[in-house]
Amino acid sequence: MRLSGLLRFLALIFAVVSTWLFIREYINFNIKTLRLPRWIGSAHKNSSQLVKTKCGLSKSCPDNFFAFKIVSGAANVVGPTMCFEDQMIMSPVKNNVGRGLNIVLVDGTKGAVLTQKSFDMYSGDASLLEKFLKEISGDMLVLVASYDDPGTKMTEEIRKLFSTLGSAHAEQLGFRDSWVFLGAQNLQSKSPFEQFLKNNPETNKYDGWPELLELEGCVPRKV
Protein backbone atom coordinates (compact mmCIF):
# COMPACT_ATOMS: atom_id res chain seq x y z
CA MET A 1 0.00 0.00 0.00
CA ARG A 2 2.76 2.37 0.84
CA LEU A 3 4.51 1.68 -2.49
CA SER A 4 1.36 2.13 -4.50
CA GLY A 5 0.56 5.33 -2.63
CA LEU A 6 4.01 6.67 -3.37
CA LEU A 7 3.63 5.87 -7.06
CA ARG A 8 0.25 7.65 -7.19
CA PHE A 9 1.81 10.67 -5.47
CA LEU A 10 4.69 10.79 -7.96
CA ALA A 11 2.25 10.43 -10.86
CA LEU A 12 0.22 13.33 -9.49
CA ILE A 13 3.33 15.50 -9.15
CA PHE A 14 4.37 14.63 -12.73
CA ALA A 15 0.92 15.50 -14.05
CA VAL A 16 0.88 18.86 -12.23
CA VAL A 17 4.35 19.81 -13.47
CA SER A 18 3.54 18.77 -17.06
CA THR A 19 0.30 20.73 -17.00
CA TRP A 20 2.08 23.82 -15.66
CA LEU A 21 4.76 23.63 -18.37
CA PHE A 22 2.12 23.23 -21.08
CA ILE A 23 0.12 26.21 -19.78
CA ARG A 24 3.25 28.39 -19.63
CA GLU A 25 4.23 27.55 -23.23
CA TYR A 26 0.66 28.11 -24.42
CA ILE A 27 0.52 31.55 -22.80
CA ASN A 28 3.89 32.56 -24.25
CA PHE A 29 2.81 31.40 -27.71
CA ASN A 30 -0.38 33.43 -27.55
CA ILE A 31 1.47 36.52 -26.37
CA LYS A 32 3.84 36.26 -29.34
CA THR A 33 0.91 35.67 -31.64
CA LEU A 34 -0.91 38.71 -30.31
CA ARG A 35 2.16 40.88 -30.75
CA LEU A 36 2.84 39.76 -34.33
CA PRO A 37 0.29 42.03 -36.04
CA ARG A 38 1.69 45.01 -34.15
CA TRP A 39 5.17 44.17 -35.43
CA ILE A 40 3.87 43.81 -38.97
CA GLY A 41 2.07 47.11 -38.66
CA SER A 42 5.22 48.79 -37.40
CA ALA A 43 7.27 47.44 -40.32
CA HIS A 44 4.61 48.60 -42.77
CA LYS A 45 4.61 52.02 -41.16
CA ASN A 46 8.38 52.29 -41.48
CA SER A 47 8.32 51.21 -45.13
CA SER A 48 5.59 53.73 -45.90
CA GLN A 49 7.85 56.46 -44.57
CA LEU A 50 10.39 55.85 -47.35
CA VAL A 51 10.60 58.97 -49.50
CA LYS A 52 9.41 58.56 -53.09
CA THR A 53 11.53 60.70 -55.37
CA LYS A 54 10.39 62.22 -58.64
CA CYS A 55 11.33 60.17 -61.71
CA GLY A 56 12.83 57.57 -59.36
CA LEU A 57 15.97 59.62 -58.68
CA SER A 58 18.45 58.37 -56.11
CA LYS A 59 17.70 61.46 -53.99
CA SER A 60 15.18 64.29 -53.91
CA CYS A 61 15.88 67.60 -55.59
CA PRO A 62 16.05 70.80 -53.51
CA ASP A 63 13.57 73.62 -53.88
CA ASN A 64 13.74 75.58 -57.14
CA PHE A 65 15.19 72.56 -58.94
CA PHE A 66 13.48 70.23 -61.41
CA ALA A 67 14.00 66.46 -61.33
CA PHE A 68 14.68 64.66 -64.60
CA LYS A 69 15.83 61.34 -65.98
CA ILE A 70 16.80 60.58 -69.60
CA VAL A 71 17.57 57.09 -70.90
CA SER A 72 18.78 56.56 -74.44
CA GLY A 73 17.52 53.80 -76.69
CA ALA A 74 19.03 50.32 -76.55
CA ALA A 75 20.34 49.41 -80.02
CA ASN A 76 17.37 49.53 -82.41
CA VAL A 77 15.17 47.40 -80.16
CA VAL A 78 14.09 49.43 -77.12
CA GLY A 79 13.29 53.11 -77.44
CA PRO A 80 14.39 55.88 -75.06
CA THR A 81 12.53 57.29 -72.07
CA MET A 82 12.35 60.83 -70.73
CA CYS A 83 10.87 61.83 -67.38
CA PHE A 84 10.59 65.38 -66.03
CA GLU A 85 9.17 66.29 -62.61
CA ASP A 86 7.76 62.76 -62.27
CA GLN A 87 5.95 62.99 -65.60
CA MET A 88 6.90 60.31 -68.12
CA ILE A 89 6.93 62.35 -71.31
CA MET A 90 8.33 59.93 -73.90
CA SER A 91 8.73 56.15 -73.71
CA PRO A 92 8.18 52.96 -75.73
CA VAL A 93 5.12 52.26 -73.58
CA LYS A 94 3.57 55.56 -74.65
CA ASN A 95 4.52 54.70 -78.25
CA ASN A 96 5.75 58.22 -78.95
CA VAL A 97 9.47 57.68 -79.60
CA GLY A 98 11.28 57.23 -82.90
CA ARG A 99 14.67 56.37 -84.32
CA GLY A 100 17.15 59.21 -84.53
CA LEU A 101 16.78 62.02 -82.00
CA ASN A 102 13.95 62.39 -79.49
CA ILE A 103 13.59 65.91 -78.09
CA VAL A 104 11.44 67.47 -75.38
CA LEU A 105 11.12 71.20 -74.70
CA VAL A 106 10.17 72.31 -71.19
CA ASP A 107 9.33 75.71 -69.76
CA GLY A 108 12.39 76.39 -67.62
CA THR A 109 10.42 78.59 -65.19
CA LYS A 110 7.21 76.66 -64.64
CA GLY A 111 8.39 73.16 -65.56
CA ALA A 112 5.53 72.63 -68.00
CA VAL A 113 6.14 70.42 -71.04
CA LEU A 114 5.88 72.54 -74.19
CA THR A 115 6.42 70.01 -76.97
CA GLN A 116 7.93 66.63 -77.84
CA LYS A 117 9.21 65.46 -81.21
CA SER A 118 11.20 62.68 -82.87
CA PHE A 119 13.48 63.36 -85.82
CA ASP A 120 14.50 60.47 -88.04
CA MET A 121 17.89 61.40 -89.42
CA TYR A 122 17.55 58.74 -92.14
CA SER A 123 14.37 60.05 -93.69
CA GLY A 124 15.39 63.66 -94.33
CA ASP A 125 14.32 65.17 -91.00
CA ALA A 126 17.60 67.11 -90.74
CA SER A 127 16.08 70.26 -92.21
CA LEU A 128 13.08 69.98 -89.87
CA LEU A 129 15.39 69.50 -86.88
CA GLU A 130 17.46 72.54 -87.84
CA LYS A 131 14.33 74.72 -88.05
CA PHE A 132 13.11 73.29 -84.73
CA LEU A 133 16.37 74.07 -82.91
CA LYS A 134 16.51 77.64 -84.24
CA GLU A 135 13.12 78.37 -82.68
CA ILE A 136 14.18 77.39 -79.15
CA SER A 137 13.99 80.44 -76.86
CA GLY A 138 16.11 81.31 -73.85
CA ASP A 139 13.51 80.30 -71.25
CA MET A 140 13.34 76.68 -72.45
CA LEU A 141 15.09 73.52 -71.30
CA VAL A 142 15.99 70.98 -73.99
CA LEU A 143 16.04 67.22 -73.28
CA VAL A 144 17.53 64.91 -75.91
CA ALA A 145 17.80 61.11 -76.19
CA SER A 146 19.24 59.11 -79.09
CA TYR A 147 17.79 55.93 -80.54
CA ASP A 148 19.39 53.65 -83.13
CA ASP A 149 21.34 56.21 -85.22
CA PRO A 150 21.29 59.90 -84.28
CA GLY A 151 24.19 61.29 -86.25
CA THR A 152 24.71 59.82 -89.73
CA LYS A 153 23.06 62.71 -91.59
CA MET A 154 23.49 65.42 -88.99
CA THR A 155 24.59 68.67 -90.61
CA GLU A 156 27.27 71.01 -89.32
CA GLU A 157 24.63 73.63 -88.65
CA ILE A 158 22.70 71.24 -86.40
CA ARG A 159 25.88 70.38 -84.53
CA LYS A 160 26.56 74.08 -83.94
CA LEU A 161 23.00 74.65 -82.72
CA PHE A 162 23.35 71.86 -80.16
CA SER A 163 26.69 73.30 -79.13
CA THR A 164 25.06 76.66 -78.42
CA LEU A 165 22.67 74.79 -76.12
CA GLY A 166 25.64 73.57 -74.10
CA SER A 167 26.55 70.26 -75.73
CA ALA A 168 30.19 69.22 -75.65
CA HIS A 169 29.70 66.13 -77.85
CA ALA A 170 27.33 67.14 -80.66
CA GLU A 171 30.29 67.99 -82.86
CA GLN A 172 31.45 64.36 -82.85
CA LEU A 173 28.09 62.57 -82.82
CA GLY A 174 28.13 59.85 -85.46
CA PHE A 175 26.68 56.58 -86.72
CA ARG A 176 24.87 54.64 -84.00
CA ASP A 177 26.43 56.58 -81.12
CA SER A 178 24.56 56.79 -77.80
CA TRP A 179 23.76 60.28 -76.52
CA VAL A 180 21.67 61.86 -73.77
CA PHE A 181 21.66 65.57 -73.08
CA LEU A 182 19.90 68.38 -71.23
CA GLY A 183 20.76 71.96 -72.21
CA ALA A 184 19.50 75.50 -72.66
CA GLN A 185 20.32 78.76 -74.36
CA ASN A 186 22.66 81.34 -72.86
CA LEU A 187 24.73 78.97 -70.73
CA GLN A 188 27.98 80.42 -69.46
CA SER A 189 29.74 77.09 -70.03
CA LYS A 190 28.99 73.60 -71.32
CA SER A 191 26.06 71.77 -69.78
CA PRO A 192 26.93 69.39 -66.92
CA PHE A 193 24.05 67.16 -68.01
CA GLU A 194 25.38 65.12 -70.92
CA GLN A 195 26.62 61.60 -71.64
CA PHE A 196 28.09 60.29 -74.86
CA LEU A 197 29.30 56.86 -75.95
CA LYS A 198 30.97 56.21 -79.29
CA ASN A 199 29.97 53.30 -81.50
CA ASN A 200 33.00 51.01 -81.29
CA PRO A 201 32.92 47.34 -82.39
CA GLU A 202 35.56 46.50 -79.79
CA THR A 203 33.62 47.91 -76.85
CA ASN A 204 29.96 47.81 -77.97
CA LYS A 205 27.62 46.05 -75.56
CA TYR A 206 25.12 45.20 -78.27
CA ASP A 207 25.82 43.82 -81.72
CA GLY A 208 26.58 47.03 -83.63
CA TRP A 209 25.57 49.49 -80.91
CA PRO A 210 27.07 50.78 -77.67
CA GLU A 211 25.17 50.30 -74.44
CA LEU A 212 22.31 52.59 -73.44
CA LEU A 213 23.00 55.66 -71.32
CA GLU A 214 21.17 56.92 -68.25
CA LEU A 215 21.28 60.54 -67.15
CA GLU A 216 19.49 61.87 -64.09
CA GLY A 217 19.78 64.94 -61.92
CA CYS A 218 18.35 68.19 -60.64
CA VAL A 219 18.36 71.17 -62.98
CA PRO A 220 17.86 74.66 -61.51
CA ARG A 221 14.67 76.51 -62.28
CA LYS A 222 15.14 79.51 -64.56
CA VAL A 223 14.32 82.73 -62.71
C-alpha atoms as a PDB file:
ATOM      1  CA  MET A   1       0.000   0.000   0.000  1.00  0.00           C
ATOM      2  CA  ARG A   2       2.765   2.372   0.839  1.00  0.00           C
ATOM      3  CA  LEU A   3       4.509   1.680  -2.494  1.00  0.00           C
ATOM      4  CA  SER A   4       1.359   2.126  -4.504  1.00  0.00           C
ATOM      5  CA  GLY A   5       0.558   5.325  -2.632  1.00  0.00           C
ATOM      6  CA  LEU A   6       4.014   6.673  -3.366  1.00  0.00           C
ATOM      7  CA  LEU A   7       3.626   5.872  -7.063  1.00  0.00           C
ATOM      8  CA  ARG A   8       0.255   7.651  -7.189  1.00  0.00           C
ATOM      9  CA  PHE A   9       1.806  10.667  -5.471  1.00  0.00           C
ATOM     10  CA  LEU A  10       4.686  10.793  -7.964  1.00  0.00           C
ATOM     11  CA  ALA A  11       2.250  10.429 -10.862  1.00  0.00           C
ATOM     12  CA  LEU A  12       0.225  13.332  -9.489  1.00  0.00           C
ATOM     13  CA  ILE A  13       3.333  15.502  -9.152  1.00  0.00           C
ATOM     14  CA  PHE A  14       4.366  14.634 -12.730  1.00  0.00           C
ATOM     15  CA  ALA A  15       0.919  15.503 -14.048  1.00  0.00           C
ATOM     16  CA  VAL A  16       0.882  18.857 -12.230  1.00  0.00           C
ATOM     17  CA  VAL A  17       4.346  19.812 -13.467  1.00  0.00           C
ATOM     18  CA  SER A  18       3.538  18.770 -17.064  1.00  0.00           C
ATOM     19  CA  THR A  19       0.305  20.732 -16.999  1.00  0.00           C
ATOM     20  CA  TRP A  20       2.077  23.819 -15.662  1.00  0.00           C
ATOM     21  CA  LEU A  21       4.758  23.633 -18.372  1.00  0.00           C
ATOM     22  CA  PHE A  22       2.121  23.235 -21.081  1.00  0.00           C
ATOM     23  CA  ILE A  23       0.117  26.213 -19.779  1.00  0.00           C
ATOM     24  CA  ARG A  24       3.253  28.394 -19.630  1.00  0.00           C
ATOM     25  CA  GLU A  25       4.229  27.555 -23.229  1.00  0.00           C
ATOM     26  CA  TYR A  26       0.663  28.110 -24.418  1.00  0.00           C
ATOM     27  CA  ILE A  27       0.521  31.554 -22.798  1.00  0.00           C
ATOM     28  CA  ASN A  28       3.892  32.557 -24.254  1.00  0.00           C
ATOM     29  CA  PHE A  29       2.810  31.401 -27.713  1.00  0.00           C
ATOM     30  CA  ASN A  30      -0.381  33.434 -27.549  1.00  0.00           C
ATOM     31  CA  ILE A  31       1.473  36.524 -26.365  1.00  0.00           C
ATOM     32  CA  LYS A  32       3.842  36.263 -29.336  1.00  0.00           C
ATOM     33  CA  THR A  33       0.906  35.666 -31.643  1.00  0.00           C
ATOM     34  CA  LEU A  34      -0.911  38.714 -30.314  1.00  0.00           C
ATOM     35  CA  ARG A  35       2.162  40.881 -30.752  1.00  0.00           C
ATOM     36  CA  LEU A  36       2.844  39.760 -34.332  1.00  0.00           C
ATOM     37  CA  PRO A  37       0.294  42.033 -36.044  1.00  0.00           C
ATOM     38  CA  ARG A  38       1.695  45.009 -34.145  1.00  0.00           C
ATOM     39  CA  TRP A  39       5.169  44.174 -35.429  1.00  0.00           C
ATOM     40  CA  ILE A  40       3.868  43.809 -38.971  1.00  0.00           C
ATOM     41  CA  GLY A  41       2.067  47.112 -38.658  1.00  0.00           C
ATOM     42  CA  SER A  42       5.221  48.787 -37.400  1.00  0.00           C
ATOM     43  CA  ALA A  43       7.265  47.439 -40.322  1.00  0.00           C
ATOM     44  CA  HIS A  44       4.608  48.597 -42.771  1.00  0.00           C
ATOM     45  CA  LYS A  45       4.607  52.021 -41.159  1.00  0.00           C
ATOM     46  CA  ASN A  46       8.379  52.293 -41.482  1.00  0.00           C
ATOM     47  CA  SER A  47       8.321  51.208 -45.126  1.00  0.00           C
ATOM     48  CA  SER A  48       5.587  53.728 -45.902  1.00  0.00           C
ATOM     49  CA  GLN A  49       7.848  56.459 -44.572  1.00  0.00           C
ATOM     50  CA  LEU A  50      10.388  55.853 -47.348  1.00  0.00           C
ATOM     51  CA  VAL A  51      10.597  58.972 -49.500  1.00  0.00           C
ATOM     52  CA  LYS A  52       9.409  58.563 -53.089  1.00  0.00           C
ATOM     53  CA  THR A  53      11.532  60.700 -55.373  1.00  0.00           C
ATOM     54  CA  LYS A  54      10.386  62.218 -58.638  1.00  0.00           C
ATOM     55  CA  CYS A  55      11.328  60.167 -61.715  1.00  0.00           C
ATOM     56  CA  GLY A  56      12.833  57.566 -59.364  1.00  0.00           C
ATOM     57  CA  LEU A  57      15.969  59.617 -58.684  1.00  0.00           C
ATOM     58  CA  SER A  58      18.446  58.372 -56.106  1.00  0.00           C
ATOM     59  CA  LYS A  59      17.701  61.459 -53.987  1.00  0.00           C
ATOM     60  CA  SER A  60      15.182  64.285 -53.914  1.00  0.00           C
ATOM     61  CA  CYS A  61      15.884  67.596 -55.590  1.00  0.00           C
ATOM     62  CA  PRO A  62      16.047  70.800 -53.511  1.00  0.00           C
ATOM     63  CA  ASP A  63      13.567  73.621 -53.877  1.00  0.00           C
ATOM     64  CA  ASN A  64      13.737  75.576 -57.139  1.00  0.00           C
ATOM     65  CA  PHE A  65      15.188  72.561 -58.940  1.00  0.00           C
ATOM     66  CA  PHE A  66      13.480  70.227 -61.410  1.00  0.00           C
ATOM     67  CA  ALA A  67      14.002  66.461 -61.331  1.00  0.00           C
ATOM     68  CA  PHE A  68      14.678  64.659 -64.595  1.00  0.00           C
ATOM     69  CA  LYS A  69      15.835  61.335 -65.983  1.00  0.00           C
ATOM     70  CA  ILE A  70      16.801  60.583 -69.600  1.00  0.00           C
ATOM     71  CA  VAL A  71      17.569  57.095 -70.898  1.00  0.00           C
ATOM     72  CA  SER A  72      18.784  56.555 -74.441  1.00  0.00           C
ATOM     73  CA  GLY A  73      17.519  53.798 -76.691  1.00  0.00           C
ATOM     74  CA  ALA A  74      19.028  50.316 -76.546  1.00  0.00           C
ATOM     75  CA  ALA A  75      20.343  49.405 -80.016  1.00  0.00           C
ATOM     76  CA  ASN A  76      17.368  49.530 -82.414  1.00  0.00           C
ATOM     77  CA  VAL A  77      15.173  47.403 -80.163  1.00  0.00           C
ATOM     78  CA  VAL A  78      14.089  49.428 -77.117  1.00  0.00           C
ATOM     79  CA  GLY A  79      13.294  53.105 -77.437  1.00  0.00           C
ATOM     80  CA  PRO A  80      14.389  55.875 -75.059  1.00  0.00           C
ATOM     81  CA  THR A  81      12.525  57.288 -72.071  1.00  0.00           C
ATOM     82  CA  MET A  82      12.353  60.827 -70.735  1.00  0.00           C
ATOM     83  CA  CYS A  83      10.871  61.833 -67.381  1.00  0.00           C
ATOM     84  CA  PHE A  84      10.588  65.380 -66.033  1.00  0.00           C
ATOM     85  CA  GLU A  85       9.175  66.288 -62.610  1.00  0.00           C
ATOM     86  CA  ASP A  86       7.760  62.761 -62.265  1.00  0.00           C
ATOM     87  CA  GLN A  87       5.954  62.991 -65.604  1.00  0.00           C
ATOM     88  CA  MET A  88       6.900  60.312 -68.118  1.00  0.00           C
ATOM     89  CA  ILE A  89       6.928  62.346 -71.312  1.00  0.00           C
ATOM     90  CA  MET A  90       8.329  59.926 -73.901  1.00  0.00           C
ATOM     91  CA  SER A  91       8.731  56.148 -73.708  1.00  0.00           C
ATOM     92  CA  PRO A  92       8.179  52.963 -75.725  1.00  0.00           C
ATOM     93  CA  VAL A  93       5.120  52.258 -73.577  1.00  0.00           C
ATOM     94  CA  LYS A  94       3.568  55.565 -74.650  1.00  0.00           C
ATOM     95  CA  ASN A  95       4.517  54.697 -78.245  1.00  0.00           C
ATOM     96  CA  ASN A  96       5.745  58.220 -78.947  1.00  0.00           C
ATOM     97  CA  VAL A  97       9.472  57.684 -79.600  1.00  0.00           C
ATOM     98  CA  GLY A  98      11.278  57.229 -82.899  1.00  0.00           C
ATOM     99  CA  ARG A  99      14.675  56.366 -84.321  1.00  0.00           C
ATOM    100  CA  GLY A 100      17.147  59.209 -84.528  1.00  0.00           C
ATOM    101  CA  LEU A 101      16.781  62.025 -82.000  1.00  0.00           C
ATOM    102  CA  ASN A 102      13.945  62.394 -79.493  1.00  0.00           C
ATOM    103  CA  ILE A 103      13.592  65.909 -78.094  1.00  0.00           C
ATOM    104  CA  VAL A 104      11.438  67.474 -75.378  1.00  0.00           C
ATOM    105  CA  LEU A 105      11.119  71.201 -74.701  1.00  0.00           C
ATOM    106  CA  VAL A 106      10.171  72.311 -71.195  1.00  0.00           C
ATOM    107  CA  ASP A 107       9.334  75.710 -69.758  1.00  0.00           C
ATOM    108  CA  GLY A 108      12.390  76.394 -67.616  1.00  0.00           C
ATOM    109  CA  THR A 109      10.424  78.591 -65.192  1.00  0.00           C
ATOM    110  CA  LYS A 110       7.209  76.656 -64.642  1.00  0.00           C
ATOM    111  CA  GLY A 111       8.389  73.162 -65.562  1.00  0.00           C
ATOM    112  CA  ALA A 112       5.530  72.630 -68.004  1.00  0.00           C
ATOM    113  CA  VAL A 113       6.142  70.422 -71.044  1.00  0.00           C
ATOM    114  CA  LEU A 114       5.883  72.544 -74.188  1.00  0.00           C
ATOM    115  CA  THR A 115       6.417  70.015 -76.973  1.00  0.00           C
ATOM    116  CA  GLN A 116       7.929  66.631 -77.838  1.00  0.00           C
ATOM    117  CA  LYS A 117       9.208  65.464 -81.207  1.00  0.00           C
ATOM    118  CA  SER A 118      11.195  62.682 -82.868  1.00  0.00           C
ATOM    119  CA  PHE A 119      13.482  63.365 -85.819  1.00  0.00           C
ATOM    120  CA  ASP A 120      14.496  60.466 -88.042  1.00  0.00           C
ATOM    121  CA  MET A 121      17.887  61.403 -89.421  1.00  0.00           C
ATOM    122  CA  TYR A 122      17.555  58.739 -92.136  1.00  0.00           C
ATOM    123  CA  SER A 123      14.370  60.053 -93.692  1.00  0.00           C
ATOM    124  CA  GLY A 124      15.389  63.657 -94.326  1.00  0.00           C
ATOM    125  CA  ASP A 125      14.324  65.171 -91.004  1.00  0.00           C
ATOM    126  CA  ALA A 126      17.605  67.110 -90.737  1.00  0.00           C
ATOM    127  CA  SER A 127      16.076  70.265 -92.210  1.00  0.00           C
ATOM    128  CA  LEU A 128      13.084  69.978 -89.871  1.00  0.00           C
ATOM    129  CA  LEU A 129      15.388  69.499 -86.885  1.00  0.00           C
ATOM    130  CA  GLU A 130      17.456  72.545 -87.842  1.00  0.00           C
ATOM    131  CA  LYS A 131      14.334  74.721 -88.046  1.00  0.00           C
ATOM    132  CA  PHE A 132      13.108  73.290 -84.730  1.00  0.00           C
ATOM    133  CA  LEU A 133      16.369  74.071 -82.911  1.00  0.00           C
ATOM    134  CA  LYS A 134      16.515  77.637 -84.235  1.00  0.00           C
ATOM    135  CA  GLU A 135      13.124  78.372 -82.675  1.00  0.00           C
ATOM    136  CA  ILE A 136      14.177  77.394 -79.146  1.00  0.00           C
ATOM    137  CA  SER A 137      13.993  80.439 -76.859  1.00  0.00           C
ATOM    138  CA  GLY A 138      16.112  81.308 -73.851  1.00  0.00           C
ATOM    139  CA  ASP A 139      13.512  80.300 -71.255  1.00  0.00           C
ATOM    140  CA  MET A 140      13.337  76.675 -72.446  1.00  0.00           C
ATOM    141  CA  LEU A 141      15.091  73.520 -71.299  1.00  0.00           C
ATOM    142  CA  VAL A 142      15.986  70.983 -73.989  1.00  0.00           C
ATOM    143  CA  LEU A 143      16.036  67.224 -73.279  1.00  0.00           C
ATOM    144  CA  VAL A 144      17.534  64.907 -75.912  1.00  0.00           C
ATOM    145  CA  ALA A 145      17.802  61.113 -76.191  1.00  0.00           C
ATOM    146  CA  SER A 146      19.243  59.108 -79.087  1.00  0.00           C
ATOM    147  CA  TYR A 147      17.785  55.935 -80.538  1.00  0.00           C
ATOM    148  CA  ASP A 148      19.389  53.655 -83.132  1.00  0.00           C
ATOM    149  CA  ASP A 149      21.336  56.206 -85.219  1.00  0.00           C
ATOM    150  CA  PRO A 150      21.289  59.896 -84.278  1.00  0.00           C
ATOM    151  CA  GLY A 151      24.192  61.288 -86.245  1.00  0.00           C
ATOM    152  CA  THR A 152      24.705  59.822 -89.726  1.00  0.00           C
ATOM    153  CA  LYS A 153      23.065  62.707 -91.589  1.00  0.00           C
ATOM    154  CA  MET A 154      23.489  65.417 -88.986  1.00  0.00           C
ATOM    155  CA  THR A 155      24.590  68.673 -90.608  1.00  0.00           C
ATOM    156  CA  GLU A 156      27.274  71.008 -89.319  1.00  0.00           C
ATOM    157  CA  GLU A 157      24.627  73.633 -88.647  1.00  0.00           C
ATOM    158  CA  ILE A 158      22.696  71.243 -86.395  1.00  0.00           C
ATOM    159  CA  ARG A 159      25.879  70.380 -84.526  1.00  0.00           C
ATOM    160  CA  LYS A 160      26.558  74.083 -83.940  1.00  0.00           C
ATOM    161  CA  LEU A 161      23.004  74.648 -82.721  1.00  0.00           C
ATOM    162  CA  PHE A 162      23.347  71.855 -80.161  1.00  0.00           C
ATOM    163  CA  SER A 163      26.693  73.299 -79.132  1.00  0.00           C
ATOM    164  CA  THR A 164      25.062  76.656 -78.419  1.00  0.00           C
ATOM    165  CA  LEU A 165      22.669  74.789 -76.122  1.00  0.00           C
ATOM    166  CA  GLY A 166      25.644  73.572 -74.096  1.00  0.00           C
ATOM    167  CA  SER A 167      26.545  70.260 -75.726  1.00  0.00           C
ATOM    168  CA  ALA A 168      30.188  69.224 -75.654  1.00  0.00           C
ATOM    169  CA  HIS A 169      29.699  66.129 -77.845  1.00  0.00           C
ATOM    170  CA  ALA A 170      27.325  67.138 -80.658  1.00  0.00           C
ATOM    171  CA  GLU A 171      30.286  67.993 -82.860  1.00  0.00           C
ATOM    172  CA  GLN A 172      31.454  64.357 -82.854  1.00  0.00           C
ATOM    173  CA  LEU A 173      28.093  62.573 -82.821  1.00  0.00           C
ATOM    174  CA  GLY A 174      28.130  59.852 -85.458  1.00  0.00           C
ATOM    175  CA  PHE A 175      26.682  56.583 -86.719  1.00  0.00           C
ATOM    176  CA  ARG A 176      24.865  54.642 -83.995  1.00  0.00           C
ATOM    177  CA  ASP A 177      26.428  56.582 -81.121  1.00  0.00           C
ATOM    178  CA  SER A 178      24.556  56.794 -77.796  1.00  0.00           C
ATOM    179  CA  TRP A 179      23.763  60.281 -76.518  1.00  0.00           C
ATOM    180  CA  VAL A 180      21.669  61.858 -73.772  1.00  0.00           C
ATOM    181  CA  PHE A 181      21.657  65.571 -73.077  1.00  0.00           C
ATOM    182  CA  LEU A 182      19.896  68.383 -71.230  1.00  0.00           C
ATOM    183  CA  GLY A 183      20.763  71.960 -72.207  1.00  0.00           C
ATOM    184  CA  ALA A 184      19.504  75.498 -72.656  1.00  0.00           C
ATOM    185  CA  GLN A 185      20.320  78.756 -74.359  1.00  0.00           C
ATOM    186  CA  ASN A 186      22.664  81.340 -72.856  1.00  0.00           C
ATOM    187  CA  LEU A 187      24.725  78.972 -70.727  1.00  0.00           C
ATOM    188  CA  GLN A 188      27.981  80.422 -69.459  1.00  0.00           C
ATOM    189  CA  SER A 189      29.738  77.088 -70.028  1.00  0.00           C
ATOM    190  CA  LYS A 190      28.994  73.595 -71.318  1.00  0.00           C
ATOM    191  CA  SER A 191      26.063  71.770 -69.785  1.00  0.00           C
ATOM    192  CA  PRO A 192      26.933  69.392 -66.920  1.00  0.00           C
ATOM    193  CA  PHE A 193      24.053  67.158 -68.009  1.00  0.00           C
ATOM    194  CA  GLU A 194      25.382  65.124 -70.918  1.00  0.00           C
ATOM    195  CA  GLN A 195      26.622  61.596 -71.637  1.00  0.00           C
ATOM    196  CA  PHE A 196      28.089  60.289 -74.856  1.00  0.00           C
ATOM    197  CA  LEU A 197      29.301  56.863 -75.954  1.00  0.00           C
ATOM    198  CA  LYS A 198      30.971  56.206 -79.286  1.00  0.00           C
ATOM    199  CA  ASN A 199      29.970  53.298 -81.496  1.00  0.00           C
ATOM    200  CA  ASN A 200      33.001  51.010 -81.293  1.00  0.00           C
ATOM    201  CA  PRO A 201      32.916  47.338 -82.393  1.00  0.00           C
ATOM    202  CA  GLU A 202      35.560  46.504 -79.795  1.00  0.00           C
ATOM    203  CA  THR A 203      33.615  47.911 -76.851  1.00  0.00           C
ATOM    204  CA  ASN A 204      29.960  47.806 -77.970  1.00  0.00           C
ATOM    205  CA  LYS A 205      27.617  46.054 -75.558  1.00  0.00           C
ATOM    206  CA  TYR A 206      25.119  45.205 -78.270  1.00  0.00           C
ATOM    207  CA  ASP A 207      25.818  43.822 -81.718  1.00  0.00           C
ATOM    208  CA  GLY A 208      26.582  47.029 -83.632  1.00  0.00           C
ATOM    209  CA  TRP A 209      25.566  49.494 -80.908  1.00  0.00           C
ATOM    210  CA  PRO A 210      27.071  50.784 -77.666  1.00  0.00           C
ATOM    211  CA  GLU A 211      25.170  50.304 -74.438  1.00  0.00           C
ATOM    212  CA  LEU A 212      22.315  52.592 -73.443  1.00  0.00           C
ATOM    213  CA  LEU A 213      23.004  55.659 -71.320  1.00  0.00           C
ATOM    214  CA  GLU A 214      21.166  56.921 -68.245  1.00  0.00           C
ATOM    215  CA  LEU A 215      21.282  60.540 -67.153  1.00  0.00           C
ATOM    216  CA  GLU A 216      19.492  61.871 -64.088  1.00  0.00           C
ATOM    217  CA  GLY A 217      19.776  64.936 -61.925  1.00  0.00           C
ATOM    218  CA  CYS A 218      18.348  68.194 -60.641  1.00  0.00           C
ATOM    219  CA  VAL A 219      18.363  71.165 -62.984  1.00  0.00           C
ATOM    220  CA  PRO A 220      17.861  74.663 -61.511  1.00  0.00           C
ATOM    221  CA  ARG A 221      14.673  76.510 -62.283  1.00  0.00           C
ATOM    222  CA  LYS A 222      15.136  79.511 -64.560  1.00  0.00           C
ATOM    223  CA  VAL A 223      14.316  82.733 -62.709  1.00  0.00           C
END
